[in-house]
Amino acid sequence: MARILPVPAFDGVVFGATGDLTMRKLLPSLYLRYRDRQFGDESRIIAAARSEMTEDQYRARAEEALRSFVGAGELEQDTVTRFLARLTYLRVDAVGEAGWSDLASLLAERPDVVRSFYLATSPELYGSICTRLRDCGAISPQSRVVLEKPIGHDLDSARAINDAVGEVFEERQIYRIDHYLGKETVQNLLALRFANPIFERLWNADIIDHVQITVAETVGVEGRGGYYDKSGALRDMLQNHMLQLLCLLAMEPPVTLDADAVRDEKLKVLRALQTIRPHEVATHTVRGQYAAGVAGGKPVEGYLTDLNTGERSTTETFVALKAQVNSWRWAGVPFYLRTGKRLPRKVSEIVVQFRKPPFSLFPDEVTGSEPNRLLIRLQPEEGMRLEIMTKEPGPGGLHLRPTPLDINFAETFGRGFPDAYERLLMDVVRGNATLFMRRDEVEAAWSWVSPLLDAWAEKPEMPKPYAAGSWGPTAAIALIERDGRTWYE
């Protein structure tokens, strides 16, 4: 088992402390890091929200969240009790005066420890919260602020949020979190490429035919219709998570693994993405919206019914697109990205499809020959699989078939892996920004996505319908098959 390195003592302030993200992800992740002794009783977690409640009432809600979202086998009652004792609750109004002086006084008790401010709130509040933190004197030289995605809903709003936060915190203190970057398999992309010359020397347009990135969900909007209808699949998933995966796949080797060296290379990929021009939008992108169908063996309603507003909506719940990276390494290699809700399986995976051999040594009657393929599974079972061609055993002639070299991380290493938030929260305390996005990354991603949003807005057509439980609209199949390729499913 890998050695767990403790982090310095810290005061972790969570704004939006009664919200779903805090209860479902942040508190369970902090509990598990406390259980594994990555931080101890010298650290405090300060929960800040607008709700009127006592500290005991908040701790009771936090304990309920732990029992709901932490595996029963990982709950230790004595540890839960000690962890809850680390929690302090303050009523703080993000847009009013209430609670800020109390927060400043509490933090002033320990001026020398690391302070992290996690903004698990609406992005519209980021600037206001940061300004009030400064005005009440709560910011120390060792302070960091964590921003949840989405950073804005387009390029202009992203710049406005970055400007507002940047007036208070230096860029080195700002941690823009994308939990996908905390997944073990995503981090292993760096190891796969740069610790294994056998792959890095094949990682180019001479050997790779195309790349597919799929992030599929089986659920619908699940009560988040108010947020989701203002966002859609492109903003919610592709602009951040999926472009970050593309960057890690396509980036050049950094000089070091320092945060800025890695992020410099990712930024180059974003800037090398070929702009999808207005006349190409119809052939390079597909928007879909789920209709009634079957999910998990049960009939489910369509998106408009789930919204429950009685109004027509042009918001996409599915998007597929073809991207190109204009660089010597990737010239002519398409990247096909797709994501959506109410799809057949919950899966996040990357498929690197290698080219066919330039000349087939085997006669025509030899069946089963296929090009090699590398499959990288991010969830639900993290791992990698390389498909190579082998001869089927037996005396019946020469028959080939793809055979997997399979690495299941849980089986290989004999254990499961921490949730992405567990690692990222501790990286904030350490001051390690490698797995967080820099301002110029965020804005470069929006710069590439914005022309698509503008083109869709100019022609506000209904997204193409697809039955819940299917792999999206048929137009998504045509998107890739017109190039003579097919989606891996």
Protein backbone atom coordinates (compact mmCIF):
# COMPACT_ATOMS: atom_id res chain seq x y z
CA MET A 1 0.00 0.00 0.00
CA ALA A 2 1.30 3.45 -0.90
CA ARG A 3 2.55 5.55 1.98
CA ILE A 4 0.08 8.30 2.92
CA LEU A 5 1.87 11.60 3.38
CA PRO A 6 0.33 13.84 6.06
CA VAL A 7 -0.53 17.43 5.20
CA PRO A 8 0.16 20.52 7.31
CA ALA A 9 -2.39 21.72 9.86
CA PHE A 10 -5.12 23.73 8.17
CA ASP A 11 -8.38 25.58 8.61
CA GLY A 12 -10.69 24.48 5.81
CA VAL A 13 -13.67 26.79 5.26
CA VAL A 14 -16.46 25.38 3.09
CA PHE A 15 -19.00 27.87 1.75
CA GLY A 16 -22.25 26.24 0.69
CA ALA A 17 -21.81 23.80 3.56
CA THR A 18 -25.42 22.58 3.51
CA GLY A 19 -25.46 21.90 -0.23
CA ASP A 20 -25.42 18.64 -2.14
CA LEU A 21 -21.75 18.80 -3.15
CA THR A 22 -20.60 19.29 0.43
CA MET A 23 -22.77 16.51 1.84
CA ARG A 24 -22.23 14.04 -0.99
CA LYS A 25 -18.54 14.57 -1.75
CA LEU A 26 -16.61 17.02 0.41
CA LEU A 27 -17.47 15.82 3.92
CA PRO A 28 -17.11 12.10 3.02
CA SER A 29 -13.75 12.81 1.35
CA LEU A 30 -12.49 14.79 4.34
CA TYR A 31 -13.66 12.06 6.73
CA LEU A 32 -11.76 9.37 4.78
CA ARG A 33 -8.57 11.44 4.74
CA TYR A 34 -8.97 11.99 8.50
CA ARG A 35 -9.59 8.28 9.06
CA ASP A 36 -6.38 7.46 7.19
CA ARG A 37 -4.53 10.01 9.36
CA GLN A 38 -3.61 12.32 6.52
CA PHE A 39 -4.64 15.17 8.78
CA GLY A 40 -5.30 15.16 12.50
CA ASP A 41 -6.99 16.96 15.35
CA GLU A 42 -4.87 20.08 14.84
CA SER A 43 -6.93 20.87 11.71
CA ARG A 44 -10.42 22.41 11.65
CA ILE A 45 -13.27 22.29 9.15
CA ILE A 46 -15.45 25.39 9.25
CA ALA A 47 -18.83 24.96 7.59
CA ALA A 48 -20.36 28.23 6.37
CA ALA A 49 -23.90 28.62 5.01
CA ARG A 50 -26.94 30.90 5.23
CA SER A 51 -29.13 28.42 7.12
CA GLU A 52 -30.03 29.05 10.74
CA MET A 53 -28.91 26.03 12.73
CA THR A 54 -26.85 25.12 15.75
CA GLU A 55 -23.49 23.41 15.60
CA ASP A 56 -25.03 20.20 16.95
CA GLN A 57 -27.71 20.29 14.29
CA TYR A 58 -25.09 20.68 11.57
CA ARG A 59 -23.00 17.84 12.97
CA ALA A 60 -26.09 15.63 12.97
CA ARG A 61 -26.66 16.42 9.27
CA ALA A 62 -23.00 15.76 8.55
CA GLU A 63 -23.16 12.37 10.28
CA GLU A 64 -26.23 11.47 8.25
CA ALA A 65 -24.32 12.39 5.08
CA LEU A 66 -21.40 10.18 6.09
CA ARG A 67 -23.71 7.23 6.66
CA SER A 68 -25.33 7.82 3.26
CA PHE A 69 -22.24 8.37 1.14
CA VAL A 70 -19.41 6.47 2.83
CA GLY A 71 -19.33 2.68 2.56
CA ALA A 72 -20.50 0.96 5.72
CA GLY A 73 -17.23 -0.93 5.97
CA GLU A 74 -15.29 2.34 6.02
CA LEU A 75 -17.23 3.94 8.88
CA GLU A 76 -15.61 3.65 12.29
CA GLN A 77 -17.85 5.12 14.97
CA ASP A 78 -15.03 6.38 17.17
CA THR A 79 -13.39 8.01 14.14
CA VAL A 80 -16.72 9.50 13.02
CA THR A 81 -17.20 11.04 16.47
CA ARG A 82 -13.71 12.53 16.48
CA PHE A 83 -14.13 13.81 12.92
CA LEU A 84 -17.44 15.51 13.71
CA ALA A 85 -15.72 17.26 16.60
CA ARG A 86 -13.50 18.96 14.01
CA LEU A 87 -16.58 20.63 12.46
CA THR A 88 -17.60 24.17 13.36
CA TYR A 89 -20.73 25.73 11.89
CA LEU A 90 -21.13 29.45 11.17
CA ARG A 91 -24.05 31.23 9.61
CA VAL A 92 -22.49 33.39 6.89
CA ASP A 93 -24.43 35.29 4.25
CA ALA A 94 -22.48 35.43 0.98
CA VAL A 95 -24.27 38.61 -0.16
CA GLY A 96 -24.98 40.19 3.23
CA GLU A 97 -23.13 41.24 6.37
CA ALA A 98 -24.03 38.33 8.65
CA GLY A 99 -21.25 36.10 9.93
CA TRP A 100 -18.15 37.62 8.36
CA SER A 101 -16.73 39.13 11.55
CA ASP A 102 -17.34 35.83 13.36
CA LEU A 103 -15.45 33.97 10.64
CA ALA A 104 -12.55 36.41 10.76
CA SER A 105 -12.33 36.12 14.56
CA LEU A 106 -12.32 32.34 14.42
CA LEU A 107 -9.56 32.26 11.80
CA ALA A 108 -7.51 34.87 13.68
CA GLU A 109 -7.03 32.35 16.49
CA ARG A 110 -4.57 30.50 14.24
CA PRO A 111 -2.83 33.02 11.98
CA ASP A 112 -0.01 30.72 10.84
CA VAL A 113 -1.87 27.64 9.55
CA VAL A 114 -2.91 27.03 5.95
CA ARG A 115 -6.37 28.42 5.15
CA SER A 116 -8.41 26.95 2.32
CA PHE A 117 -11.68 28.52 1.22
CA TYR A 118 -13.78 26.07 -0.79
CA LEU A 119 -16.56 27.84 -2.73
CA ALA A 120 -19.20 25.11 -3.15
CA THR A 121 -21.69 27.76 -4.23
CA SER A 122 -23.10 29.25 -7.39
CA PRO A 123 -20.28 30.78 -9.50
CA GLU A 124 -22.15 34.09 -9.42
CA LEU A 125 -21.16 34.35 -5.75
CA TYR A 126 -17.43 33.76 -6.19
CA GLY A 127 -16.51 37.40 -6.57
CA SER A 128 -18.70 38.55 -3.69
CA ILE A 129 -17.36 35.90 -1.29
CA CYS A 130 -13.74 36.69 -2.14
CA THR A 131 -14.31 40.44 -1.69
CA ARG A 132 -15.90 39.92 1.72
CA LEU A 133 -13.09 37.60 2.80
CA ARG A 134 -10.65 40.38 2.01
CA ASP A 135 -12.72 43.12 3.64
CA CYS A 136 -13.15 41.21 6.91
CA GLY A 137 -9.43 40.45 7.12
CA ALA A 138 -9.77 36.67 6.76
CA ILE A 139 -7.08 36.22 4.11
CA SER A 140 -3.56 35.33 5.22
CA PRO A 141 -0.41 34.75 3.15
CA GLN A 142 -1.10 30.99 3.37
CA SER A 143 -4.65 31.23 2.05
CA ARG A 144 -5.96 29.35 -0.98
CA VAL A 145 -9.37 29.54 -2.66
CA VAL A 146 -10.99 26.64 -4.50
CA LEU A 147 -13.44 27.33 -7.34
CA GLU A 148 -15.86 24.66 -8.51
CA LYS A 149 -16.81 24.42 -12.15
CA PRO A 150 -18.41 25.84 -14.15
CA ILE A 151 -16.29 28.97 -14.27
CA GLY A 152 -18.91 31.03 -16.10
CA HIS A 153 -21.27 30.04 -18.88
CA ASP A 154 -19.27 31.57 -21.74
CA LEU A 155 -15.95 33.35 -22.33
CA ASP A 156 -17.11 36.78 -21.15
CA SER A 157 -18.63 35.50 -17.90
CA ALA A 158 -15.54 33.33 -17.23
CA ARG A 159 -13.32 36.39 -17.61
CA ALA A 160 -15.57 38.39 -15.30
CA ILE A 161 -15.39 35.71 -12.58
CA ASN A 162 -11.64 35.36 -12.99
CA ASP A 163 -11.22 39.14 -12.80
CA ALA A 164 -13.32 39.37 -9.61
CA VAL A 165 -11.46 36.55 -7.85
CA GLY A 166 -8.12 37.79 -9.20
CA GLU A 167 -8.62 41.19 -7.56
CA VAL A 168 -8.43 39.46 -4.18
CA PHE A 169 -6.25 36.39 -4.64
CA GLU A 170 -3.04 35.94 -6.61
CA GLU A 171 -3.16 33.34 -9.37
CA ARG A 172 -0.92 31.00 -7.35
CA GLN A 173 -3.60 30.98 -4.61
CA ILE A 174 -6.51 30.07 -6.93
CA TYR A 175 -7.36 26.38 -7.40
CA ARG A 176 -9.94 25.77 -10.13
CA ILE A 177 -11.04 22.22 -9.48
CA ASP A 178 -12.02 19.60 -12.05
CA HIS A 179 -12.57 16.35 -10.18
CA TYR A 180 -11.85 14.30 -13.32
CA LEU A 181 -8.20 15.29 -13.00
CA GLY A 182 -8.11 13.66 -9.56
CA LYS A 183 -9.09 10.22 -10.86
CA GLU A 184 -6.32 7.63 -10.64
CA THR A 185 -6.70 6.57 -14.27
CA VAL A 186 -6.47 10.15 -15.50
CA GLN A 187 -3.25 10.66 -13.56
CA ASN A 188 -2.02 7.37 -15.01
CA LEU A 189 -2.21 8.93 -18.47
CA LEU A 190 0.97 10.79 -17.58
CA ALA A 191 2.61 7.59 -16.36
CA LEU A 192 1.43 5.61 -19.38
CA ARG A 193 2.88 8.09 -21.82
CA PHE A 194 5.99 9.43 -20.15
CA ALA A 195 7.17 6.45 -18.07
CA ASN A 196 6.79 3.95 -20.92
CA PRO A 197 8.78 4.79 -24.05
CA ILE A 198 7.05 1.91 -25.86
CA PHE A 199 3.87 4.04 -25.91
CA GLU A 200 5.31 7.52 -26.22
CA ARG A 201 7.15 6.61 -29.42
CA LEU A 202 3.88 5.37 -30.92
CA TRP A 203 1.90 8.40 -29.75
CA ASN A 204 1.60 10.29 -33.03
CA ALA A 205 -0.22 10.56 -36.33
CA ASP A 206 1.97 7.94 -38.00
CA ILE A 207 0.64 5.19 -35.74
CA ILE A 208 -2.69 6.42 -34.31
CA ASP A 209 -5.74 6.52 -36.56
CA HIS A 210 -8.12 8.36 -34.22
CA VAL A 211 -9.10 8.86 -30.57
CA GLN A 212 -12.54 8.56 -28.95
CA ILE A 213 -13.51 10.05 -25.59
CA THR A 214 -16.89 9.01 -24.16
CA VAL A 215 -18.50 10.14 -20.91
CA ALA A 216 -21.91 8.49 -20.63
CA GLU A 217 -24.49 8.72 -17.84
CA THR A 218 -27.57 6.56 -17.37
CA VAL A 219 -29.39 9.13 -15.22
CA GLY A 220 -31.51 12.05 -16.41
CA VAL A 221 -31.42 15.51 -14.88
CA GLU A 222 -32.48 14.03 -11.50
CA GLY A 223 -33.92 17.20 -9.95
CA ARG A 224 -31.18 19.44 -11.38
CA GLY A 225 -33.32 20.62 -14.26
CA GLY A 226 -33.21 24.26 -13.20
CA TYR A 227 -29.41 24.30 -13.38
CA TYR A 228 -29.02 21.91 -16.28
CA ASP A 229 -31.44 23.70 -18.59
CA LYS A 230 -29.23 26.79 -18.40
CA SER A 231 -26.13 24.72 -19.05
CA GLY A 232 -26.49 21.68 -21.31
CA ALA A 233 -24.07 18.89 -22.11
CA LEU A 234 -21.50 21.09 -23.87
CA ARG A 235 -21.03 23.44 -20.91
CA ASP A 236 -21.60 20.84 -18.20
CA MET A 237 -19.17 18.16 -19.37
CA LEU A 238 -17.34 18.80 -22.62
CA GLN A 239 -15.97 22.29 -22.04
CA ASN A 240 -14.17 21.22 -18.88
CA HIS A 241 -13.85 17.48 -18.12
CA MET A 242 -13.53 16.20 -21.65
CA LEU A 243 -11.25 18.91 -22.97
CA GLN A 244 -8.96 18.29 -20.01
CA LEU A 245 -8.78 14.61 -20.96
CA LEU A 246 -8.02 15.59 -24.55
CA CYS A 247 -5.21 17.83 -23.31
CA LEU A 248 -3.57 15.06 -21.28
CA LEU A 249 -3.76 12.72 -24.27
CA ALA A 250 -2.41 15.21 -26.79
CA MET A 251 0.09 17.29 -24.79
CA GLU A 252 3.83 17.23 -25.39
CA PRO A 253 6.13 15.95 -22.62
CA PRO A 254 6.56 18.69 -20.01
CA VAL A 255 10.05 19.66 -18.91
CA THR A 256 9.17 18.69 -15.31
CA LEU A 257 6.05 17.64 -13.41
CA ASP A 258 5.81 21.05 -11.75
CA ALA A 259 2.31 22.52 -11.90
CA ASP A 260 3.06 25.25 -14.43
CA ALA A 261 5.16 23.00 -16.68
CA VAL A 262 2.27 20.54 -17.02
CA ARG A 263 -0.33 23.27 -17.45
CA ASP A 264 1.81 25.06 -20.05
CA GLU A 265 1.67 21.95 -22.24
CA LYS A 266 -2.09 21.52 -21.78
CA LEU A 267 -2.59 25.16 -22.75
CA LYS A 268 -0.69 24.57 -26.00
CA VAL A 269 -3.16 21.82 -26.92
CA LEU A 270 -6.17 24.06 -26.26
CA ARG A 271 -4.65 26.78 -28.42
CA ALA A 272 -3.90 24.24 -31.16
CA LEU A 273 -7.51 23.05 -31.40
CA GLN A 274 -8.83 23.86 -34.85
CA THR A 275 -11.77 26.24 -34.66
CA ILE A 276 -15.02 24.70 -35.88
CA ARG A 277 -16.28 27.37 -38.25
CA PRO A 278 -19.99 28.20 -38.59
CA HIS A 279 -20.41 26.31 -41.87
CA GLU A 280 -18.78 23.22 -40.28
CA VAL A 281 -20.99 23.09 -37.19
CA ALA A 282 -23.65 20.96 -38.90
CA THR A 283 -21.11 18.30 -39.98
CA HIS A 284 -18.73 18.42 -37.00
CA THR A 285 -21.22 18.55 -34.10
CA VAL A 286 -24.44 16.80 -33.08
CA ARG A 287 -26.85 17.95 -30.38
CA GLY A 288 -29.39 15.57 -28.89
CA GLN A 289 -32.12 15.56 -26.25
CA TYR A 290 -33.42 12.40 -24.63
CA ALA A 291 -37.02 11.36 -25.13
CA ALA A 292 -39.01 8.72 -23.30
CA GLY A 293 -37.47 5.27 -23.31
CA VAL A 294 -36.14 2.54 -21.06
CA ALA A 295 -33.31 2.92 -18.52
CA GLY A 296 -32.26 0.22 -16.09
CA GLY A 297 -35.05 -1.99 -17.35
CA LYS A 298 -37.73 0.56 -16.43
CA PRO A 299 -39.66 3.05 -18.56
CA VAL A 300 -38.52 6.65 -18.06
CA GLU A 301 -39.81 10.01 -19.22
CA GLY A 302 -38.15 12.37 -21.65
CA TYR A 303 -36.18 15.50 -20.80
CA LEU A 304 -39.07 17.92 -21.27
CA THR A 305 -41.21 15.89 -18.85
CA ASP A 306 -38.32 15.73 -16.35
CA LEU A 307 -38.00 19.51 -16.54
CA ASN A 308 -41.63 19.82 -15.49
CA THR A 309 -41.92 23.38 -16.78
CA GLY A 310 -44.39 22.74 -19.57
CA GLU A 311 -42.17 24.69 -21.95
CA ARG A 312 -40.14 23.83 -25.02
CA SER A 313 -36.41 23.68 -24.39
CA THR A 314 -33.54 23.70 -26.89
CA THR A 315 -31.00 22.55 -24.27
CA GLU A 316 -28.95 19.54 -25.36
CA THR A 317 -28.58 16.52 -23.08
CA PHE A 318 -26.20 14.88 -25.57
CA VAL A 319 -23.39 16.28 -27.66
CA ALA A 320 -20.91 14.65 -30.02
CA LEU A 321 -18.24 16.43 -31.99
CA LYS A 322 -15.13 15.96 -34.06
CA ALA A 323 -12.05 17.93 -33.00
CA GLN A 324 -8.65 18.39 -34.65
CA VAL A 325 -5.36 19.36 -32.99
CA ASN A 326 -3.23 21.37 -35.39
CA SER A 327 0.25 20.16 -34.49
CA TRP A 328 2.95 18.03 -36.10
CA ARG A 329 2.22 15.18 -33.70
CA TRP A 330 -1.54 15.10 -34.36
CA ALA A 331 -2.04 16.42 -37.89
CA GLY A 332 -4.88 14.49 -39.53
CA VAL A 333 -5.87 12.54 -36.39
CA PRO A 334 -9.49 13.24 -35.42
CA PHE A 335 -10.62 13.26 -31.79
CA TYR A 336 -14.25 12.20 -31.45
CA LEU A 337 -15.92 13.33 -28.22
CA ARG A 338 -19.40 12.42 -26.99
CA THR A 339 -21.26 12.79 -23.73
CA GLY A 340 -24.88 12.53 -22.72
CA LYS A 341 -27.54 11.60 -20.21
CA ARG A 342 -29.88 8.60 -20.32
CA LEU A 343 -27.39 6.49 -22.27
CA PRO A 344 -27.21 2.67 -21.94
CA ARG A 345 -24.21 2.49 -19.58
CA LYS A 346 -22.52 4.72 -17.05
CA VAL A 347 -19.00 4.78 -18.41
CA SER A 348 -16.10 7.13 -18.95
CA GLU A 349 -13.46 5.80 -21.28
CA ILE A 350 -10.85 6.74 -23.84
CA VAL A 351 -10.21 4.65 -26.95
CA VAL A 352 -6.93 5.10 -28.80
CA GLN A 353 -7.36 3.37 -32.16
CA PHE A 354 -4.09 2.49 -33.91
CA ARG A 355 -3.73 2.32 -37.66
CA LYS A 356 -4.00 -0.83 -39.72
CA PRO A 357 -0.73 -2.44 -40.80
CA PRO A 358 0.52 -0.80 -44.01
CA PHE A 359 0.70 -4.23 -45.64
CA SER A 360 -1.12 -7.41 -44.65
CA LEU A 361 1.21 -10.38 -44.46
CA PHE A 362 -1.67 -12.80 -44.04
CA PRO A 363 -3.66 -14.20 -46.99
CA ASP A 364 -7.25 -13.15 -47.60
CA GLU A 365 -8.69 -16.32 -46.11
CA VAL A 366 -7.18 -15.49 -42.70
CA THR A 367 -10.07 -14.01 -40.75
CA GLY A 368 -10.38 -11.77 -37.73
CA SER A 369 -7.53 -9.31 -38.28
CA GLU A 370 -8.19 -5.93 -36.65
CA PRO A 371 -5.93 -2.99 -35.82
CA ASN A 372 -4.66 -2.64 -32.26
CA ARG A 373 -6.68 -0.63 -29.77
CA LEU A 374 -5.89 0.83 -26.35
CA LEU A 375 -8.86 1.27 -24.01
CA ILE A 376 -8.46 3.45 -20.92
CA ARG A 377 -11.35 3.07 -18.45
CA LEU A 378 -11.94 5.96 -16.05
CA GLN A 379 -15.11 4.51 -14.54
CA PRO A 380 -16.79 2.39 -13.35
CA GLU A 381 -13.85 -0.07 -13.25
CA GLU A 382 -10.63 1.86 -13.53
CA GLY A 383 -8.04 0.22 -15.71
CA MET A 384 -6.44 -0.15 -19.13
CA ARG A 385 -6.73 -2.77 -21.85
CA LEU A 386 -4.50 -3.17 -24.90
CA GLU A 387 -6.00 -5.32 -27.65
CA ILE A 388 -3.39 -7.17 -29.70
CA MET A 389 -3.83 -9.72 -32.47
CA THR A 390 -3.11 -13.38 -31.66
CA LYS A 391 -3.66 -16.70 -33.38
CA GLU A 392 -6.55 -18.76 -32.11
CA PRO A 393 -5.25 -22.05 -30.67
CA GLY A 394 -5.95 -25.24 -32.61
CA PRO A 395 -5.03 -27.10 -35.79
CA GLY A 396 -7.85 -25.70 -37.92
CA GLY A 397 -5.78 -23.23 -39.85
CA LEU A 398 -4.62 -19.69 -39.16
CA HIS A 399 -7.37 -17.62 -37.55
CA LEU A 400 -6.65 -14.35 -35.80
CA ARG A 401 -8.56 -12.60 -33.07
CA PRO A 402 -7.99 -9.58 -30.80
CA THR A 403 -6.83 -10.61 -27.33
CA PRO A 404 -6.76 -8.17 -24.41
CA LEU A 405 -3.83 -7.41 -22.16
CA ASP A 406 -5.99 -6.21 -19.28
CA ILE A 407 -5.07 -4.20 -16.18
CA ASN A 408 -7.84 -3.75 -13.64
CA PHE A 409 -6.39 -1.36 -11.07
CA ALA A 410 -8.38 -2.69 -8.11
CA GLU A 411 -7.37 -6.28 -8.87
CA THR A 412 -3.76 -5.45 -9.73
CA PHE A 413 -3.10 -3.37 -6.64
CA GLY A 414 -5.43 -5.31 -4.37
CA ARG A 415 -7.58 -2.40 -3.24
CA GLY A 416 -9.91 0.33 -4.34
CA PHE A 417 -8.85 3.92 -4.83
CA PRO A 418 -9.68 7.16 -3.07
CA ASP A 419 -12.32 9.39 -4.57
CA ALA A 420 -10.88 12.16 -6.74
CA TYR A 421 -11.95 14.81 -4.20
CA GLU A 422 -9.89 13.11 -1.49
CA ARG A 423 -6.69 13.69 -3.40
CA LEU A 424 -7.57 17.15 -4.67
CA LEU A 425 -8.59 18.51 -1.26
CA MET A 426 -5.25 17.42 0.19
CA ASP A 427 -3.38 18.87 -2.81
CA VAL A 428 -4.92 22.27 -2.01
CA VAL A 429 -3.54 22.09 1.53
CA ARG A 430 -0.13 21.02 0.20
CA GLY A 431 -0.13 23.87 -2.30
CA ASN A 432 0.21 21.49 -5.27
CA ALA A 433 -1.71 22.98 -8.21
CA THR A 434 -0.70 20.42 -10.87
CA LEU A 435 -4.19 18.89 -11.14
CA PHE A 436 -6.02 22.22 -11.11
CA MET A 437 -6.76 24.54 -14.01
CA ARG A 438 -5.03 27.85 -14.54
CA ARG A 439 -6.92 30.94 -15.66
CA ASP A 440 -5.54 30.87 -19.19
CA GLU A 441 -6.56 27.20 -19.55
CA VAL A 442 -10.15 27.95 -18.59
CA GLU A 443 -10.39 30.89 -20.94
CA ALA A 444 -8.72 29.03 -23.83
CA ALA A 445 -11.29 26.23 -23.45
CA TRP A 446 -14.14 28.75 -23.53
CA SER A 447 -12.55 30.46 -26.56
CA TRP A 448 -12.78 27.19 -28.49
CA VAL A 449 -16.30 26.31 -27.30
CA SER A 450 -17.83 29.77 -27.70
CA PRO A 451 -18.12 29.71 -31.53
CA LEU A 452 -20.18 26.51 -31.21
CA LEU A 453 -22.50 28.12 -28.68
CA ASP A 454 -22.82 31.19 -30.92
CA ALA A 455 -23.61 29.08 -33.98
CA TRP A 456 -26.27 27.11 -32.11
CA ALA A 457 -27.79 30.33 -30.74
CA GLU A 458 -28.05 31.83 -34.21
CA LYS A 459 -30.12 28.82 -35.33
CA PRO A 460 -32.01 27.74 -32.19
CA GLU A 461 -33.23 24.43 -33.54
CA MET A 462 -34.50 21.64 -31.33
CA PRO A 463 -31.77 19.09 -30.56
CA LYS A 464 -32.23 15.75 -32.30
CA PRO A 465 -34.31 13.39 -30.15
CA TYR A 466 -33.01 10.03 -28.98
CA ALA A 467 -34.72 7.36 -26.94
CA ALA A 468 -33.58 7.08 -23.33
CA GLY A 469 -31.40 3.99 -23.07
CA SER A 470 -29.89 4.42 -26.55
CA TRP A 471 -26.47 5.75 -27.54
CA GLY A 472 -27.82 9.09 -28.71
CA PRO A 473 -29.29 10.32 -31.99
CA THR A 474 -28.49 8.53 -35.22
CA ALA A 475 -26.74 11.67 -36.43
CA ALA A 476 -23.96 10.91 -33.90
CA ILE A 477 -23.37 7.61 -35.68
CA ALA A 478 -23.22 9.41 -39.02
CA LEU A 479 -20.72 11.92 -37.56
CA ILE A 480 -18.06 9.24 -37.17
CA GLU A 481 -19.11 6.75 -39.85
CA ARG A 482 -18.88 9.27 -42.66
CA ASP A 483 -15.14 9.14 -41.93
CA GLY A 484 -15.16 5.35 -42.23
CA ARG A 485 -14.96 4.79 -38.46
CA THR A 486 -17.37 3.66 -35.77
CA TRP A 487 -18.00 4.31 -32.08
CA TYR A 488 -16.60 1.78 -29.65
CA GLU A 489 -19.48 0.41 -27.56
